[in-house]
Amino acid sequence: EFVATVNWSGGNTYYAHSVKGRFTISRDNAKNTVDLQMNSLK
């Protein structure tokens, strides 16, 4: 199932309803990485 997505620049993100407000997706194009910060885990 889908959790989160981010566009090429990092400027646009979208989350599954079940994780919105708890998870944050981010990317660093200089480092070729994309992270998912997960808080208030269930």
ModelCIF file with pLDDT and N, C-alpha, C, O atoms, coordinates in Angstrom:
data_MODEL
#
_entry.id   MODEL 
#
_entity.id                         1 
_entity.type                       polymer 
_entity.pdbx_number_of_molecules   1 
#
_entity_poly.entity_id                      1 
_entity_poly.type                           'polypeptide(L)' 
_entity_poly.nstd_linkage                   no 
_entity_poly.nstd_monomer                   no 
_entity_poly.pdbx_seq_one_letter_code       EFVATVNWSGGNTYYAHSVKGRFTISRDNAKNTVDLQMNSLK 
_entity_poly.pdbx_seq_one_letter_code_can   EFVATVNWSGGNTYYAHSVKGRFTISRDNAKNTVDLQMNSLK 
_entity_poly.pdbx_strand_id                 A 
#
loop_
_entity_poly_seq.entity_id 
_entity_poly_seq.num 
_entity_poly_seq.mon_id 
_entity_poly_seq.hetero 
1 1  GLU n 
1 2  PHE n 
1 3  VAL n 
1 4  ALA n 
1 5  THR n 
1 6  VAL n 
1 7  ASN n 
1 8  TRP n 
1 9  SER n 
1 10 GLY n 
1 11 GLY n 
1 12 ASN n 
1 13 THR n 
1 14 TYR n 
1 15 TYR n 
1 16 ALA n 
1 17 HIS n 
1 18 SER n 
1 19 VAL n 
1 20 LYS n 
1 21 GLY n 
1 22 ARG n 
1 23 PHE n 
1 24 THR n 
1 25 ILE n 
1 26 SER n 
1 27 ARG n 
1 28 ASP n 
1 29 ASN n 
1 30 ALA n 
1 31 LYS n 
1 32 ASN n 
1 33 THR n 
1 34 VAL n 
1 35 ASP n 
1 36 LEU n 
1 37 GLN n 
1 38 MET n 
1 39 ASN n 
1 40 SER n 
1 41 LEU n 
1 42 LYS n 
#
_struct_asym.id          A 
_struct_asym.entity_id   1 
#
loop_
_ma_qa_metric.id 
_ma_qa_metric.mode 
_ma_qa_metric.name 
_ma_qa_metric.software_group_id 
_ma_qa_metric.type 
1 global pLDDT . pLDDT 
2 local  pLDDT . pLDDT 
#
_ma_qa_metric_global.metric_id      1 
_ma_qa_metric_global.metric_value   96.88 
_ma_qa_metric_global.model_id       1 
_ma_qa_metric_global.ordinal_id     1 
#
loop_
_ma_qa_metric_local.label_asym_id 
_ma_qa_metric_local.label_comp_id 
_ma_qa_metric_local.label_seq_id 
_ma_qa_metric_local.metric_id 
_ma_qa_metric_local.metric_value 
_ma_qa_metric_local.model_id 
_ma_qa_metric_local.ordinal_id 
A GLU 1  2 98.00 1 1  
A PHE 2  2 98.00 1 2  
A VAL 3  2 98.00 1 3  
A ALA 4  2 98.00 1 4  
A THR 5  2 98.00 1 5  
A VAL 6  2 97.00 1 6  
A ASN 7  2 96.00 1 7  
A TRP 8  2 94.00 1 8  
A SER 9  2 93.00 1 9  
A GLY 10 2 92.00 1 10 
A GLY 11 2 93.00 1 11 
A ASN 12 2 95.00 1 12 
A THR 13 2 97.00 1 13 
A TYR 14 2 97.00 1 14 
A TYR 15 2 98.00 1 15 
A ALA 16 2 98.00 1 16 
A HIS 17 2 98.00 1 17 
A SER 18 2 98.00 1 18 
A VAL 19 2 98.00 1 19 
A LYS 20 2 98.00 1 20 
A GLY 21 2 98.00 1 21 
A ARG 22 2 98.00 1 22 
A PHE 23 2 98.00 1 23 
A THR 24 2 98.00 1 24 
A ILE 25 2 98.00 1 25 
A SER 26 2 98.00 1 26 
A ARG 27 2 97.00 1 27 
A ASP 28 2 96.00 1 28 
A ASN 29 2 94.00 1 29 
A ALA 30 2 93.00 1 30 
A LYS 31 2 95.00 1 31 
A ASN 32 2 95.00 1 32 
A THR 33 2 97.00 1 33 
A VAL 34 2 98.00 1 34 
A ASP 35 2 98.00 1 35 
A LEU 36 2 98.00 1 36 
A GLN 37 2 98.00 1 37 
A MET 38 2 98.00 1 38 
A ASN 39 2 98.00 1 39 
A SER 40 2 98.00 1 40 
A LEU 41 2 98.00 1 41 
A LYS 42 2 98.00 1 42 
#
loop_
_atom_site.group_PDB 
_atom_site.id 
_atom_site.type_symbol 
_atom_site.label_atom_id 
_atom_site.label_alt_id 
_atom_site.label_comp_id 
_atom_site.label_asym_id 
_atom_site.label_entity_id 
_atom_site.label_seq_id 
_atom_site.pdbx_PDB_ins_code 
_atom_site.Cartn_x 
_atom_site.Cartn_y 
_atom_site.Cartn_z 
_atom_site.occupancy 
_atom_site.B_iso_or_equiv 
_atom_site.pdbx_formal_charge 
_atom_site.auth_seq_id 
_atom_site.auth_comp_id 
_atom_site.auth_asym_id 
_atom_site.auth_atom_id 
_atom_site.pdbx_PDB_model_num 
ATOM 1   N N  . GLU A 1 1  ? 0.819  -1.203 0.000  1.00 98.00 ? 1  GLU A N  1 
ATOM 2   C CA . GLU A 1 1  ? 0.000  0.000  0.000  1.00 98.00 ? 1  GLU A CA 1 
ATOM 3   C C  . GLU A 1 1  ? 0.862  1.265  0.000  1.00 98.00 ? 1  GLU A C  1 
ATOM 4   O O  . GLU A 1 1  ? 1.995  1.279  0.481  1.00 98.00 ? 1  GLU A O  1 
ATOM 5   N N  . PHE A 1 2  ? 0.291  2.291  -0.543 1.00 98.00 ? 2  PHE A N  1 
ATOM 6   C CA . PHE A 1 2  ? 0.932  3.594  -0.626 1.00 98.00 ? 2  PHE A CA 1 
ATOM 7   C C  . PHE A 1 2  ? 1.067  4.238  0.745  1.00 98.00 ? 2  PHE A C  1 
ATOM 8   O O  . PHE A 1 2  ? 0.167  4.142  1.579  1.00 98.00 ? 2  PHE A O  1 
ATOM 9   N N  . VAL A 1 3  ? 2.208  4.901  0.972  1.00 98.00 ? 3  VAL A N  1 
ATOM 10  C CA . VAL A 1 3  ? 2.436  5.634  2.216  1.00 98.00 ? 3  VAL A CA 1 
ATOM 11  C C  . VAL A 1 3  ? 2.627  7.130  1.940  1.00 98.00 ? 3  VAL A C  1 
ATOM 12  O O  . VAL A 1 3  ? 1.913  7.969  2.489  1.00 98.00 ? 3  VAL A O  1 
ATOM 13  N N  . ALA A 1 4  ? 3.599  7.448  1.084  1.00 98.00 ? 4  ALA A N  1 
ATOM 14  C CA . ALA A 1 4  ? 3.904  8.855  0.825  1.00 98.00 ? 4  ALA A CA 1 
ATOM 15  C C  . ALA A 1 4  ? 4.669  8.974  -0.485 1.00 98.00 ? 4  ALA A C  1 
ATOM 16  O O  . ALA A 1 4  ? 5.326  8.030  -0.923 1.00 98.00 ? 4  ALA A O  1 
ATOM 17  N N  . THR A 1 5  ? 4.574  10.154 -1.109 1.00 98.00 ? 5  THR A N  1 
ATOM 18  C CA . THR A 1 5  ? 5.293  10.393 -2.335 1.00 98.00 ? 5  THR A CA 1 
ATOM 19  C C  . THR A 1 5  ? 5.743  11.847 -2.395 1.00 98.00 ? 5  THR A C  1 
ATOM 20  O O  . THR A 1 5  ? 5.155  12.723 -1.760 1.00 98.00 ? 5  THR A O  1 
ATOM 21  N N  . VAL A 1 6  ? 6.797  12.085 -3.170 1.00 97.00 ? 6  VAL A N  1 
ATOM 22  C CA . VAL A 1 6  ? 7.338  13.432 -3.322 1.00 97.00 ? 6  VAL A CA 1 
ATOM 23  C C  . VAL A 1 6  ? 7.772  13.622 -4.766 1.00 97.00 ? 6  VAL A C  1 
ATOM 24  O O  . VAL A 1 6  ? 8.269  12.693 -5.403 1.00 97.00 ? 6  VAL A O  1 
ATOM 25  N N  . ASN A 1 7  ? 7.577  14.840 -5.280 1.00 96.00 ? 7  ASN A N  1 
ATOM 26  C CA . ASN A 1 7  ? 7.969  15.088 -6.672 1.00 96.00 ? 7  ASN A CA 1 
ATOM 27  C C  . ASN A 1 7  ? 9.474  15.330 -6.743 1.00 96.00 ? 7  ASN A C  1 
ATOM 28  O O  . ASN A 1 7  ? 10.165 15.266 -5.727 1.00 96.00 ? 7  ASN A O  1 
ATOM 29  N N  . TRP A 1 8  ? 9.979  15.607 -7.941 1.00 94.00 ? 8  TRP A N  1 
ATOM 30  C CA . TRP A 1 8  ? 11.424 15.649 -8.160 1.00 94.00 ? 8  TRP A CA 1 
ATOM 31  C C  . TRP A 1 8  ? 12.125 16.715 -7.312 1.00 94.00 ? 8  TRP A C  1 
ATOM 32  O O  . TRP A 1 8  ? 13.258 16.516 -6.876 1.00 94.00 ? 8  TRP A O  1 
ATOM 33  N N  . SER A 1 9  ? 11.459 17.828 -7.084 1.00 93.00 ? 9  SER A N  1 
ATOM 34  C CA . SER A 1 9  ? 12.105 18.934 -6.376 1.00 93.00 ? 9  SER A CA 1 
ATOM 35  C C  . SER A 1 9  ? 11.927 18.859 -4.868 1.00 93.00 ? 9  SER A C  1 
ATOM 36  O O  . SER A 1 9  ? 12.639 19.533 -4.123 1.00 93.00 ? 9  SER A O  1 
ATOM 37  N N  . GLY A 1 10 ? 10.984 18.045 -4.414 1.00 92.00 ? 10 GLY A N  1 
ATOM 38  C CA . GLY A 1 10 ? 10.661 18.026 -2.989 1.00 92.00 ? 10 GLY A CA 1 
ATOM 39  C C  . GLY A 1 10 ? 9.579  19.008 -2.615 1.00 92.00 ? 10 GLY A C  1 
ATOM 40  O O  . GLY A 1 10 ? 9.169  19.067 -1.456 1.00 92.00 ? 10 GLY A O  1 
ATOM 41  N N  . GLY A 1 11 ? 9.112  19.775 -3.568 1.00 93.00 ? 11 GLY A N  1 
ATOM 42  C CA . GLY A 1 11 ? 8.138  20.809 -3.282 1.00 93.00 ? 11 GLY A CA 1 
ATOM 43  C C  . GLY A 1 11 ? 6.711  20.312 -3.157 1.00 93.00 ? 11 GLY A C  1 
ATOM 44  O O  . GLY A 1 11 ? 5.870  20.971 -2.544 1.00 93.00 ? 11 GLY A O  1 
ATOM 45  N N  . ASN A 1 12 ? 6.440  19.172 -3.725 1.00 95.00 ? 12 ASN A N  1 
ATOM 46  C CA . ASN A 1 12 ? 5.085  18.607 -3.670 1.00 95.00 ? 12 ASN A CA 1 
ATOM 47  C C  . ASN A 1 12 ? 5.128  17.240 -3.015 1.00 95.00 ? 12 ASN A C  1 
ATOM 48  O O  . ASN A 1 12 ? 5.919  16.376 -3.394 1.00 95.00 ? 12 ASN A O  1 
ATOM 49  N N  . THR A 1 13 ? 4.271  17.058 -2.030 1.00 97.00 ? 13 THR A N  1 
ATOM 50  C CA . THR A 1 13 ? 4.184  15.785 -1.333 1.00 97.00 ? 13 THR A CA 1 
ATOM 51  C C  . THR A 1 13 ? 2.725  15.369 -1.193 1.00 97.00 ? 13 THR A C  1 
ATOM 52  O O  . THR A 1 13 ? 1.812  16.190 -1.286 1.00 97.00 ? 13 THR A O  1 
ATOM 53  N N  . TYR A 1 14 ? 2.532  14.089 -0.971 1.00 97.00 ? 14 TYR A N  1 
ATOM 54  C CA . TYR A 1 14 ? 1.180  13.553 -0.797 1.00 97.00 ? 14 TYR A CA 1 
ATOM 55  C C  . TYR A 1 14 ? 1.280  12.333 0.099  1.00 97.00 ? 14 TYR A C  1 
ATOM 56  O O  . TYR A 1 14 ? 2.213  11.539 -0.021 1.00 97.00 ? 14 TYR A O  1 
ATOM 57  N N  . TYR A 1 15 ? 0.304  12.185 1.010  1.00 98.00 ? 15 TYR A N  1 
ATOM 58  C CA . TYR A 1 15 ? 0.352  11.125 2.000  1.00 98.00 ? 15 TYR A CA 1 
ATOM 59  C C  . TYR A 1 15 ? -0.934 10.307 2.023  1.00 98.00 ? 15 TYR A C  1 
ATOM 60  O O  . TYR A 1 15 ? -2.017 10.793 1.698  1.00 98.00 ? 15 TYR A O  1 
ATOM 61  N N  . ALA A 1 16 ? -0.776 9.072  2.413  1.00 98.00 ? 16 ALA A N  1 
ATOM 62  C CA . ALA A 1 16 ? -1.947 8.253  2.705  1.00 98.00 ? 16 ALA A CA 1 
ATOM 63  C C  . ALA A 1 16 ? -2.645 8.842  3.926  1.00 98.00 ? 16 ALA A C  1 
ATOM 64  O O  . ALA A 1 16 ? -2.003 9.395  4.818  1.00 98.00 ? 16 ALA A O  1 
ATOM 65  N N  . HIS A 1 17 ? -3.944 8.715  3.950  1.00 98.00 ? 17 HIS A N  1 
ATOM 66  C CA . HIS A 1 17 ? -4.728 9.275  5.062  1.00 98.00 ? 17 HIS A CA 1 
ATOM 67  C C  . HIS A 1 17 ? -4.276 8.705  6.400  1.00 98.00 ? 17 HIS A C  1 
ATOM 68  O O  . HIS A 1 17 ? -4.292 9.396  7.419  1.00 98.00 ? 17 HIS A O  1 
ATOM 69  N N  . SER A 1 18 ? -3.872 7.436  6.384  1.00 98.00 ? 18 SER A N  1 
ATOM 70  C CA . SER A 1 18 ? -3.537 6.751  7.630  1.00 98.00 ? 18 SER A CA 1 
ATOM 71  C C  . SER A 1 18 ? -2.251 7.275  8.270  1.00 98.00 ? 18 SER A C  1 
ATOM 72  O O  . SER A 1 18 ? -2.018 7.050  9.458  1.00 98.00 ? 18 SER A O  1 
ATOM 73  N N  . VAL A 1 19 ? -1.414 7.972  7.499  1.00 98.00 ? 19 VAL A N  1 
ATOM 74  C CA . VAL A 1 19 ? -0.136 8.443  8.047  1.00 98.00 ? 19 VAL A CA 1 
ATOM 75  C C  . VAL A 1 19 ? -0.015 9.966  8.043  1.00 98.00 ? 19 VAL A C  1 
ATOM 76  O O  . VAL A 1 19 ? 0.935  10.513 8.603  1.00 98.00 ? 19 VAL A O  1 
ATOM 77  N N  . LYS A 1 20 ? -0.957 10.641 7.424  1.00 98.00 ? 20 LYS A N  1 
ATOM 78  C CA . LYS A 1 20 ? -0.882 12.091 7.320  1.00 98.00 ? 20 LYS A CA 1 
ATOM 79  C C  . LYS A 1 20 ? -0.845 12.724 8.703  1.00 98.00 ? 20 LYS A C  1 
ATOM 80  O O  . LYS A 1 20 ? -1.644 12.394 9.580  1.00 98.00 ? 20 LYS A O  1 
ATOM 81  N N  . GLY A 1 21 ? 0.098  13.639 8.876  1.00 98.00 ? 21 GLY A N  1 
ATOM 82  C CA . GLY A 1 21 ? 0.266  14.296 10.165 1.00 98.00 ? 21 GLY A CA 1 
ATOM 83  C C  . GLY A 1 21 ? 1.250  13.586 11.076 1.00 98.00 ? 21 GLY A C  1 
ATOM 84  O O  . GLY A 1 21 ? 1.694  14.160 12.070 1.00 98.00 ? 21 GLY A O  1 
ATOM 85  N N  . ARG A 1 22 ? 1.601  12.345 10.754 1.00 98.00 ? 22 ARG A N  1 
ATOM 86  C CA . ARG A 1 22 ? 2.564  11.578 11.552 1.00 98.00 ? 22 ARG A CA 1 
ATOM 87  C C  . ARG A 1 22 ? 3.859  11.328 10.795 1.00 98.00 ? 22 ARG A C  1 
ATOM 88  O O  . ARG A 1 22 ? 4.936  11.305 11.391 1.00 98.00 ? 22 ARG A O  1 
ATOM 89  N N  . PHE A 1 23 ? 3.758  11.141 9.486  1.00 98.00 ? 23 PHE A N  1 
ATOM 90  C CA . PHE A 1 23 ? 4.926  10.835 8.656  1.00 98.00 ? 23 PHE A CA 1 
ATOM 91  C C  . PHE A 1 23 ? 5.275  12.040 7.786  1.00 98.00 ? 23 PHE A C  1 
ATOM 92  O O  . PHE A 1 23 ? 4.401  12.808 7.385  1.00 98.00 ? 23 PHE A O  1 
ATOM 93  N N  . THR A 1 24 ? 6.564  12.190 7.502  1.00 98.00 ? 24 THR A N  1 
ATOM 94  C CA . THR A 1 24 ? 7.029  13.253 6.617  1.00 98.00 ? 24 THR A CA 1 
ATOM 95  C C  . THR A 1 24 ? 8.041  12.690 5.640  1.00 98.00 ? 24 THR A C  1 
ATOM 96  O O  . THR A 1 24 ? 9.026  12.069 6.038  1.00 98.00 ? 24 THR A O  1 
ATOM 97  N N  . ILE A 1 25 ? 7.789  12.914 4.348  1.00 98.00 ? 25 ILE A N  1 
ATOM 98  C CA . ILE A 1 25 ? 8.729  12.488 3.311  1.00 98.00 ? 25 ILE A CA 1 
ATOM 99  C C  . ILE A 1 25 ? 9.553  13.704 2.894  1.00 98.00 ? 25 ILE A C  1 
ATOM 100 O O  . ILE A 1 25 ? 9.037  14.816 2.790  1.00 98.00 ? 25 ILE A O  1 
ATOM 101 N N  . SER A 1 26 ? 10.839 13.469 2.658  1.00 98.00 ? 26 SER A N  1 
ATOM 102 C CA . SER A 1 26 ? 11.721 14.543 2.210  1.00 98.00 ? 26 SER A CA 1 
ATOM 103 C C  . SER A 1 26 ? 12.817 13.943 1.344  1.00 98.00 ? 26 SER A C  1 
ATOM 104 O O  . SER A 1 26 ? 13.064 12.737 1.380  1.00 98.00 ? 26 SER A O  1 
ATOM 105 N N  . ARG A 1 27 ? 13.471 14.797 0.565  1.00 97.00 ? 27 ARG A N  1 
ATOM 106 C CA . ARG A 1 27 ? 14.528 14.301 -0.303 1.00 97.00 ? 27 ARG A CA 1 
ATOM 107 C C  . ARG A 1 27 ? 15.673 15.297 -0.342 1.00 97.00 ? 27 ARG A C  1 
ATOM 108 O O  . ARG A 1 27 ? 15.498 16.496 -0.121 1.00 97.00 ? 27 ARG A O  1 
ATOM 109 N N  . ASP A 1 28 ? 16.841 14.765 -0.628 1.00 96.00 ? 28 ASP A N  1 
ATOM 110 C CA . ASP A 1 28 ? 18.039 15.582 -0.793 1.00 96.00 ? 28 ASP A CA 1 
ATOM 111 C C  . ASP A 1 28 ? 18.659 15.170 -2.118 1.00 96.00 ? 28 ASP A C  1 
ATOM 112 O O  . ASP A 1 28 ? 19.319 14.134 -2.199 1.00 96.00 ? 28 ASP A O  1 
ATOM 113 N N  . ASN A 1 29 ? 18.453 15.963 -3.145 1.00 94.00 ? 29 ASN A N  1 
ATOM 114 C CA . ASN A 1 29 ? 18.939 15.595 -4.479 1.00 94.00 ? 29 ASN A CA 1 
ATOM 115 C C  . ASN A 1 29 ? 20.470 15.672 -4.585 1.00 94.00 ? 29 ASN A C  1 
ATOM 116 O O  . ASN A 1 29 ? 21.067 15.032 -5.451 1.00 94.00 ? 29 ASN A O  1 
ATOM 117 N N  . ALA A 1 30 ? 21.075 16.427 -3.733 1.00 93.00 ? 30 ALA A N  1 
ATOM 118 C CA . ALA A 1 30 ? 22.541 16.489 -3.735 1.00 93.00 ? 30 ALA A CA 1 
ATOM 119 C C  . ALA A 1 30 ? 23.144 15.190 -3.206 1.00 93.00 ? 30 ALA A C  1 
ATOM 120 O O  . ALA A 1 30 ? 24.242 14.798 -3.602 1.00 93.00 ? 30 ALA A O  1 
ATOM 121 N N  . LYS A 1 31 ? 22.415 14.531 -2.310 1.00 95.00 ? 31 LYS A N  1 
ATOM 122 C CA . LYS A 1 31 ? 22.899 13.284 -1.711 1.00 95.00 ? 31 LYS A CA 1 
ATOM 123 C C  . LYS A 1 31 ? 22.223 12.050 -2.306 1.00 95.00 ? 31 LYS A C  1 
ATOM 124 O O  . LYS A 1 31 ? 22.559 10.924 -1.937 1.00 95.00 ? 31 LYS A O  1 
ATOM 125 N N  . ASN A 1 32 ? 21.280 12.249 -3.216 1.00 95.00 ? 32 ASN A N  1 
ATOM 126 C CA . ASN A 1 32 ? 20.529 11.131 -3.810 1.00 95.00 ? 32 ASN A CA 1 
ATOM 127 C C  . ASN A 1 32 ? 19.821 10.292 -2.755 1.00 95.00 ? 32 ASN A C  1 
ATOM 128 O O  . ASN A 1 32 ? 19.882 9.062  -2.778 1.00 95.00 ? 32 ASN A O  1 
ATOM 129 N N  . THR A 1 33 ? 19.156 10.961 -1.844 1.00 97.00 ? 33 THR A N  1 
ATOM 130 C CA . THR A 1 33 ? 18.441 10.251 -0.798 1.00 97.00 ? 33 THR A CA 1 
ATOM 131 C C  . THR A 1 33 ? 17.008 10.767 -0.651 1.00 97.00 ? 33 THR A C  1 
ATOM 132 O O  . THR A 1 33 ? 16.707 11.924 -0.947 1.00 97.00 ? 33 THR A O  1 
ATOM 133 N N  . VAL A 1 34 ? 16.152 9.885  -0.193 1.00 98.00 ? 34 VAL A N  1 
ATOM 134 C CA . VAL A 1 34 ? 14.801 10.263 0.189  1.00 98.00 ? 34 VAL A CA 1 
ATOM 135 C C  . VAL A 1 34 ? 14.508 9.609  1.533  1.00 98.00 ? 34 VAL A C  1 
ATOM 136 O O  . VAL A 1 34 ? 14.742 8.414  1.710  1.00 98.00 ? 34 VAL A O  1 
ATOM 137 N N  . ASP A 1 35 ? 14.008 10.376 2.456  1.00 98.00 ? 35 ASP A N  1 
ATOM 138 C CA . ASP A 1 35 ? 13.777 9.917  3.809  1.00 98.00 ? 35 ASP A CA 1 
ATOM 139 C C  . ASP A 1 35 ? 12.292 9.882  4.146  1.00 98.00 ? 35 ASP A C  1 
ATOM 140 O O  . ASP A 1 35 ? 11.479 10.576 3.535  1.00 98.00 ? 35 ASP A O  1 
ATOM 141 N N  . LEU A 1 36 ? 11.965 9.066  5.123  1.00 98.00 ? 36 LEU A N  1 
ATOM 142 C CA . LEU A 1 36 ? 10.614 9.027  5.654  1.00 98.00 ? 36 LEU A CA 1 
ATOM 143 C C  . LEU A 1 36 ? 10.720 9.101  7.175  1.00 98.00 ? 36 LEU A C  1 
ATOM 144 O O  . LEU A 1 36 ? 11.117 8.133  7.824  1.00 98.00 ? 36 LEU A O  1 
ATOM 145 N N  . GLN A 1 37 ? 10.367 10.248 7.735  1.00 98.00 ? 37 GLN A N  1 
ATOM 146 C CA . GLN A 1 37 ? 10.345 10.424 9.180  1.00 98.00 ? 37 GLN A CA 1 
ATOM 147 C C  . GLN A 1 37 ? 8.992  9.959  9.695  1.00 98.00 ? 37 GLN A C  1 
ATOM 148 O O  . GLN A 1 37 ? 7.947  10.462 9.282  1.00 98.00 ? 37 GLN A O  1 
ATOM 149 N N  . MET A 1 38 ? 9.028  8.994  10.598 1.00 98.00 ? 38 MET A N  1 
ATOM 150 C CA . MET A 1 38 ? 7.788  8.401  11.100 1.00 98.00 ? 38 MET A CA 1 
ATOM 151 C C  . MET A 1 38 ? 7.683  8.670  12.600 1.00 98.00 ? 38 MET A C  1 
ATOM 152 O O  . MET A 1 38 ? 8.503  8.193  13.384 1.00 98.00 ? 38 MET A O  1 
ATOM 153 N N  . ASN A 1 39 ? 6.682  9.426  12.983 1.00 98.00 ? 39 ASN A N  1 
ATOM 154 C CA . ASN A 1 39 ? 6.450  9.753  14.380 1.00 98.00 ? 39 ASN A CA 1 
ATOM 155 C C  . ASN A 1 39 ? 5.130  9.144  14.853 1.00 98.00 ? 39 ASN A C  1 
ATOM 156 O O  . ASN A 1 39 ? 4.294  8.734  14.048 1.00 98.00 ? 39 ASN A O  1 
ATOM 157 N N  . SER A 1 40 ? 4.963  9.096  16.158 1.00 98.00 ? 40 SER A N  1 
ATOM 158 C CA . SER A 1 40 ? 3.726  8.584  16.758 1.00 98.00 ? 40 SER A CA 1 
ATOM 159 C C  . SER A 1 40 ? 3.342  7.232  16.149 1.00 98.00 ? 40 SER A C  1 
ATOM 160 O O  . SER A 1 40 ? 2.194  7.014  15.762 1.00 98.00 ? 40 SER A O  1 
ATOM 161 N N  . LEU A 1 41 ? 4.307  6.348  16.075 1.00 98.00 ? 41 LEU A N  1 
ATOM 162 C CA . LEU A 1 41 ? 4.083  5.060  15.424 1.00 98.00 ? 41 LEU A CA 1 
ATOM 163 C C  . LEU A 1 41 ? 3.064  4.222  16.172 1.00 98.00 ? 41 LEU A C  1 
ATOM 164 O O  . LEU A 1 41 ? 2.957  4.265  17.397 1.00 98.00 ? 41 LEU A O  1 
ATOM 165 N N  . LYS A 1 42 ? 2.313  3.454  15.378 1.00 98.00 ? 42 LYS A N  1 
ATOM 166 C CA . LYS A 1 42 ? 1.260  2.583  15.908 1.00 98.00 ? 42 LYS A CA 1 
ATOM 167 C C  . LYS A 1 42 ? 1.565  1.139  15.506 1.00 98.00 ? 42 LYS A C  1 
ATOM 168 O O  . LYS A 1 42 ? 0.807  0.230  15.846 1.00 98.00 ? 42 LYS A O  1 
#
